[in-house]
N, C-alpha and C. Protein backbone atom coordinates (compact mmCIF):
# COMPACT_ATOMS: atom_id res chain seq x y z
N MET A 1 23.39 10.20 -68.56
CA MET A 1 23.04 9.55 -69.81
C MET A 1 23.88 8.29 -69.97
N ALA A 2 23.47 7.50 -70.94
CA ALA A 2 24.19 6.26 -71.22
C ALA A 2 24.50 6.18 -72.69
N ASN A 3 25.61 5.56 -73.00
CA ASN A 3 25.94 5.25 -74.37
C ASN A 3 25.57 3.79 -74.55
N ILE A 4 24.59 3.52 -75.40
CA ILE A 4 24.08 2.17 -75.60
C ILE A 4 24.34 1.76 -77.04
N GLN A 5 24.92 0.58 -77.19
CA GLN A 5 25.17 0.04 -78.52
C GLN A 5 24.54 -1.35 -78.56
N ILE A 6 23.76 -1.62 -79.60
CA ILE A 6 23.11 -2.92 -79.76
C ILE A 6 23.64 -3.54 -81.04
N THR A 7 24.19 -4.74 -80.90
CA THR A 7 24.75 -5.42 -82.07
C THR A 7 24.42 -6.90 -82.02
N PRO A 8 24.19 -7.49 -83.19
CA PRO A 8 24.19 -8.96 -83.22
C PRO A 8 25.60 -9.41 -82.89
N ASP A 9 25.72 -10.52 -82.19
CA ASP A 9 27.02 -11.02 -81.76
C ASP A 9 27.28 -12.33 -82.49
N GLY A 10 28.25 -12.34 -83.37
CA GLY A 10 28.56 -13.53 -84.15
C GLY A 10 27.91 -13.47 -85.51
N SER A 11 28.40 -14.30 -86.41
CA SER A 11 27.91 -14.25 -87.79
C SER A 11 26.49 -14.75 -87.94
N ASP A 12 26.03 -15.60 -87.01
CA ASP A 12 24.66 -16.11 -87.13
C ASP A 12 23.66 -15.23 -86.41
N ALA A 13 24.11 -14.19 -85.75
CA ALA A 13 23.26 -13.25 -85.02
C ALA A 13 22.40 -13.97 -84.00
N ALA A 14 22.90 -15.07 -83.45
CA ALA A 14 22.14 -15.81 -82.44
C ALA A 14 22.08 -15.05 -81.12
N THR A 15 23.04 -14.17 -80.91
CA THR A 15 23.07 -13.37 -79.68
C THR A 15 23.00 -11.90 -80.04
N VAL A 16 22.11 -11.18 -79.37
CA VAL A 16 22.10 -9.72 -79.49
C VAL A 16 22.76 -9.19 -78.23
N THR A 17 23.78 -8.36 -78.43
CA THR A 17 24.53 -7.78 -77.31
C THR A 17 24.12 -6.33 -77.12
N VAL A 18 23.78 -5.98 -75.89
CA VAL A 18 23.47 -4.60 -75.51
C VAL A 18 24.65 -4.13 -74.67
N ARG A 19 25.49 -3.27 -75.25
CA ARG A 19 26.68 -2.77 -74.56
C ARG A 19 26.40 -1.39 -73.98
N LEU A 20 26.71 -1.25 -72.71
CA LEU A 20 26.52 0.02 -72.02
C LEU A 20 27.90 0.60 -71.71
N HIS A 21 28.01 1.93 -71.82
CA HIS A 21 29.29 2.61 -71.60
C HIS A 21 29.06 3.81 -70.69
N GLY A 22 30.02 4.07 -69.83
CA GLY A 22 29.99 5.28 -69.01
C GLY A 22 29.04 5.18 -67.84
N GLU A 23 28.56 6.33 -67.40
CA GLU A 23 27.63 6.41 -66.29
C GLU A 23 26.21 6.23 -66.82
N VAL A 24 25.49 5.28 -66.27
CA VAL A 24 24.11 5.03 -66.69
C VAL A 24 23.21 5.59 -65.60
N ASP A 25 22.69 6.80 -65.85
CA ASP A 25 21.83 7.47 -64.88
C ASP A 25 20.36 7.24 -65.24
N ALA A 26 19.46 7.87 -64.50
CA ALA A 26 18.03 7.68 -64.73
C ALA A 26 17.61 8.10 -66.13
N ALA A 27 18.17 9.18 -66.65
CA ALA A 27 17.82 9.62 -68.01
C ALA A 27 18.27 8.57 -69.03
N GLY A 28 19.46 8.03 -68.84
CA GLY A 28 19.93 6.96 -69.71
C GLY A 28 19.14 5.68 -69.52
N GLY A 29 18.57 5.52 -68.33
CA GLY A 29 17.74 4.36 -68.06
C GLY A 29 16.51 4.31 -68.95
N ASN A 30 15.93 5.46 -69.23
CA ASN A 30 14.76 5.49 -70.11
C ASN A 30 15.13 5.02 -71.51
N GLU A 31 16.28 5.45 -72.00
CA GLU A 31 16.77 5.01 -73.31
C GLU A 31 17.05 3.50 -73.29
N LEU A 32 17.65 3.03 -72.21
CA LEU A 32 17.93 1.60 -72.06
C LEU A 32 16.63 0.80 -72.03
N ARG A 33 15.65 1.28 -71.30
CA ARG A 33 14.35 0.58 -71.21
C ARG A 33 13.75 0.39 -72.59
N LEU A 34 13.74 1.42 -73.40
CA LEU A 34 13.20 1.32 -74.76
C LEU A 34 14.01 0.35 -75.62
N ALA A 35 15.33 0.38 -75.46
CA ALA A 35 16.18 -0.52 -76.23
C ALA A 35 15.93 -1.97 -75.83
N LEU A 36 15.79 -2.23 -74.53
CA LEU A 36 15.55 -3.60 -74.08
C LEU A 36 14.17 -4.10 -74.49
N ILE A 37 13.18 -3.23 -74.48
CA ILE A 37 11.85 -3.63 -74.97
C ILE A 37 11.94 -4.04 -76.43
N ASP A 38 12.67 -3.27 -77.22
CA ASP A 38 12.84 -3.60 -78.64
C ASP A 38 13.52 -4.96 -78.80
N VAL A 39 14.60 -5.17 -78.08
CA VAL A 39 15.36 -6.41 -78.22
C VAL A 39 14.55 -7.61 -77.73
N ILE A 40 14.01 -7.51 -76.53
CA ILE A 40 13.34 -8.66 -75.91
C ILE A 40 11.97 -8.94 -76.51
N MET A 41 11.18 -7.90 -76.71
CA MET A 41 9.79 -8.11 -77.14
C MET A 41 9.60 -8.13 -78.65
N ARG A 42 10.43 -7.39 -79.38
CA ARG A 42 10.23 -7.30 -80.83
C ARG A 42 11.19 -8.19 -81.61
N ARG A 43 12.48 -8.10 -81.30
CA ARG A 43 13.47 -8.90 -82.04
C ARG A 43 13.46 -10.36 -81.62
N ARG A 44 13.32 -10.60 -80.32
CA ARG A 44 13.32 -11.95 -79.74
C ARG A 44 14.43 -12.85 -80.27
N PRO A 45 15.66 -12.45 -80.06
CA PRO A 45 16.78 -13.29 -80.52
C PRO A 45 16.87 -14.54 -79.66
N PRO A 46 17.66 -15.52 -80.09
CA PRO A 46 17.83 -16.72 -79.27
C PRO A 46 18.51 -16.45 -77.92
N ARG A 47 19.30 -15.36 -77.84
CA ARG A 47 20.01 -15.04 -76.60
C ARG A 47 20.29 -13.55 -76.54
N VAL A 48 20.24 -12.97 -75.33
CA VAL A 48 20.57 -11.56 -75.11
C VAL A 48 21.71 -11.49 -74.10
N LEU A 49 22.71 -10.67 -74.42
CA LEU A 49 23.84 -10.44 -73.52
C LEU A 49 23.88 -8.95 -73.22
N ILE A 50 23.84 -8.58 -71.95
CA ILE A 50 23.98 -7.19 -71.54
C ILE A 50 25.39 -7.02 -70.98
N ASP A 51 26.19 -6.24 -71.70
CA ASP A 51 27.61 -6.05 -71.39
C ASP A 51 27.79 -4.76 -70.60
N VAL A 52 28.24 -4.89 -69.35
CA VAL A 52 28.45 -3.73 -68.48
C VAL A 52 29.93 -3.49 -68.20
N CYS A 53 30.81 -4.09 -69.01
CA CYS A 53 32.26 -3.97 -68.79
C CYS A 53 32.73 -2.52 -68.73
N ALA A 54 32.14 -1.65 -69.56
CA ALA A 54 32.61 -0.27 -69.66
C ALA A 54 31.75 0.71 -68.86
N VAL A 55 30.88 0.21 -67.99
CA VAL A 55 30.03 1.08 -67.18
C VAL A 55 30.81 1.53 -65.96
N THR A 56 30.77 2.84 -65.71
CA THR A 56 31.51 3.39 -64.56
C THR A 56 30.63 3.59 -63.34
N ALA A 57 29.33 3.79 -63.54
CA ALA A 57 28.37 3.96 -62.43
C ALA A 57 26.98 3.64 -62.97
N ILE A 58 26.11 3.17 -62.06
CA ILE A 58 24.76 2.80 -62.49
C ILE A 58 23.76 3.25 -61.43
N ASP A 59 22.69 3.88 -61.87
CA ASP A 59 21.64 4.40 -61.00
C ASP A 59 20.75 3.25 -60.52
N PRO A 60 20.24 3.31 -59.29
CA PRO A 60 19.33 2.27 -58.80
C PRO A 60 18.09 2.09 -59.69
N TYR A 61 17.61 3.16 -60.30
CA TYR A 61 16.49 3.08 -61.23
C TYR A 61 16.83 2.14 -62.39
N VAL A 62 18.05 2.21 -62.87
CA VAL A 62 18.50 1.38 -63.99
C VAL A 62 18.60 -0.08 -63.55
N ILE A 63 19.00 -0.31 -62.32
CA ILE A 63 19.04 -1.68 -61.81
C ILE A 63 17.63 -2.27 -61.83
N GLY A 64 16.64 -1.47 -61.50
CA GLY A 64 15.24 -1.92 -61.59
C GLY A 64 14.85 -2.26 -63.01
N ILE A 65 15.32 -1.48 -63.98
CA ILE A 65 15.04 -1.76 -65.39
C ILE A 65 15.69 -3.09 -65.79
N LEU A 66 16.92 -3.31 -65.37
CA LEU A 66 17.61 -4.55 -65.70
C LEU A 66 16.94 -5.75 -65.03
N ARG A 67 16.45 -5.56 -63.80
CA ARG A 67 15.73 -6.63 -63.11
C ARG A 67 14.45 -6.98 -63.88
N ALA A 68 13.72 -5.96 -64.32
CA ALA A 68 12.50 -6.20 -65.09
C ALA A 68 12.81 -6.91 -66.41
N ALA A 69 13.88 -6.50 -67.08
CA ALA A 69 14.28 -7.14 -68.34
C ALA A 69 14.62 -8.61 -68.10
N ARG A 70 15.36 -8.88 -67.04
CA ARG A 70 15.70 -10.26 -66.70
C ARG A 70 14.44 -11.09 -66.45
N ASP A 71 13.49 -10.53 -65.70
CA ASP A 71 12.26 -11.26 -65.38
C ASP A 71 11.40 -11.51 -66.61
N ILE A 72 11.28 -10.51 -67.48
CA ILE A 72 10.50 -10.67 -68.71
C ILE A 72 11.15 -11.70 -69.62
N ALA A 73 12.46 -11.62 -69.76
CA ALA A 73 13.17 -12.60 -70.59
C ALA A 73 12.95 -14.01 -70.04
N ARG A 74 13.03 -14.15 -68.74
CA ARG A 74 12.81 -15.46 -68.12
C ARG A 74 11.39 -15.96 -68.41
N ASP A 75 10.39 -15.07 -68.29
CA ASP A 75 9.00 -15.44 -68.58
C ASP A 75 8.82 -15.89 -70.02
N LEU A 76 9.62 -15.33 -70.93
CA LEU A 76 9.55 -15.68 -72.35
C LEU A 76 10.49 -16.83 -72.71
N SER A 77 11.17 -17.39 -71.71
CA SER A 77 12.17 -18.45 -71.93
C SER A 77 13.28 -17.99 -72.86
N LEU A 78 13.65 -16.73 -72.73
CA LEU A 78 14.72 -16.14 -73.53
C LEU A 78 15.97 -16.02 -72.66
N PRO A 79 17.04 -16.73 -72.99
CA PRO A 79 18.26 -16.62 -72.20
C PRO A 79 18.81 -15.19 -72.21
N LEU A 80 19.05 -14.64 -71.04
CA LEU A 80 19.60 -13.30 -70.89
C LEU A 80 20.73 -13.40 -69.87
N ALA A 81 21.90 -12.88 -70.24
CA ALA A 81 23.07 -12.93 -69.36
C ALA A 81 23.70 -11.55 -69.28
N PHE A 82 24.47 -11.35 -68.21
CA PHE A 82 25.22 -10.12 -68.02
C PHE A 82 26.70 -10.42 -68.16
N ALA A 83 27.42 -9.57 -68.88
CA ALA A 83 28.86 -9.71 -69.04
C ALA A 83 29.55 -8.56 -68.33
N GLY A 84 30.68 -8.87 -67.73
CA GLY A 84 31.44 -7.81 -67.07
C GLY A 84 32.28 -8.32 -65.93
N GLU A 85 32.77 -9.52 -66.05
CA GLU A 85 33.56 -10.14 -64.99
C GLU A 85 34.66 -9.20 -64.51
N GLY A 86 34.70 -9.01 -63.21
CA GLY A 86 35.74 -8.19 -62.62
C GLY A 86 35.40 -6.72 -62.50
N SER A 87 34.34 -6.25 -63.17
CA SER A 87 34.01 -4.83 -63.06
C SER A 87 33.19 -4.59 -61.80
N PRO A 88 33.38 -3.44 -61.14
CA PRO A 88 32.61 -3.13 -59.94
C PRO A 88 31.11 -3.10 -60.21
N VAL A 89 30.72 -2.64 -61.39
CA VAL A 89 29.29 -2.57 -61.73
C VAL A 89 28.72 -3.98 -61.87
N ALA A 90 29.48 -4.88 -62.48
CA ALA A 90 29.02 -6.27 -62.60
C ALA A 90 28.84 -6.89 -61.22
N ALA A 91 29.76 -6.61 -60.32
CA ALA A 91 29.64 -7.13 -58.95
C ALA A 91 28.39 -6.57 -58.27
N GLN A 92 28.12 -5.29 -58.49
CA GLN A 92 26.93 -4.67 -57.92
C GLN A 92 25.67 -5.31 -58.51
N LEU A 93 25.66 -5.53 -59.83
CA LEU A 93 24.51 -6.18 -60.46
C LEU A 93 24.32 -7.59 -59.94
N HIS A 94 25.41 -8.30 -59.76
CA HIS A 94 25.32 -9.66 -59.23
C HIS A 94 24.63 -9.65 -57.87
N ARG A 95 25.00 -8.72 -57.03
CA ARG A 95 24.38 -8.60 -55.70
C ARG A 95 22.93 -8.17 -55.82
N ASP A 96 22.67 -7.14 -56.62
CA ASP A 96 21.33 -6.55 -56.68
C ASP A 96 20.34 -7.40 -57.46
N LEU A 97 20.81 -8.10 -58.48
CA LEU A 97 19.91 -8.90 -59.30
C LEU A 97 19.95 -10.38 -58.92
N MET A 98 20.95 -10.75 -58.14
CA MET A 98 21.16 -12.14 -57.77
C MET A 98 21.11 -13.05 -58.99
N VAL A 99 21.84 -12.62 -60.04
CA VAL A 99 21.96 -13.45 -61.23
C VAL A 99 22.99 -14.53 -60.95
N GLY A 100 23.04 -15.53 -61.82
CA GLY A 100 24.03 -16.59 -61.68
C GLY A 100 25.41 -16.02 -61.84
N ALA A 101 26.13 -16.46 -62.81
CA ALA A 101 27.48 -15.97 -63.03
C ALA A 101 27.46 -14.79 -63.98
N VAL A 102 28.22 -13.79 -63.66
CA VAL A 102 28.44 -12.68 -64.56
C VAL A 102 29.68 -13.06 -65.36
N THR A 103 29.56 -13.11 -66.67
CA THR A 103 30.61 -13.70 -67.50
C THR A 103 31.35 -12.65 -68.31
N ARG A 104 32.43 -13.11 -68.91
CA ARG A 104 33.17 -12.27 -69.87
C ARG A 104 32.49 -12.36 -71.21
N PRO A 105 32.43 -11.24 -71.96
CA PRO A 105 31.88 -11.34 -73.31
C PRO A 105 32.79 -12.20 -74.18
N SER A 106 32.19 -12.99 -75.06
CA SER A 106 33.01 -13.84 -75.92
C SER A 106 33.32 -13.19 -77.24
């Protein structure tokens, strides 16, 4: 399972942050998929940040969900970034998703 927290980031709520904690397995992936659909397709904030700083392990199924979220956001011209500089999971995502820079949350 995954512990998922979704918060507006900053006083203007220009960024919605999806924070993941712990081990994100396939069961947690389903919860994450629904959360990302809500954020990307319904809320449509100016920017989405997926924070993986506190993730200890991630299932390949979940990487597929994150890849799909990245692609959909790109199709909608919605900036989506991953935060987690220095974490092993962020490094894995960088390799698997071939995203630009994985950044620190601000």
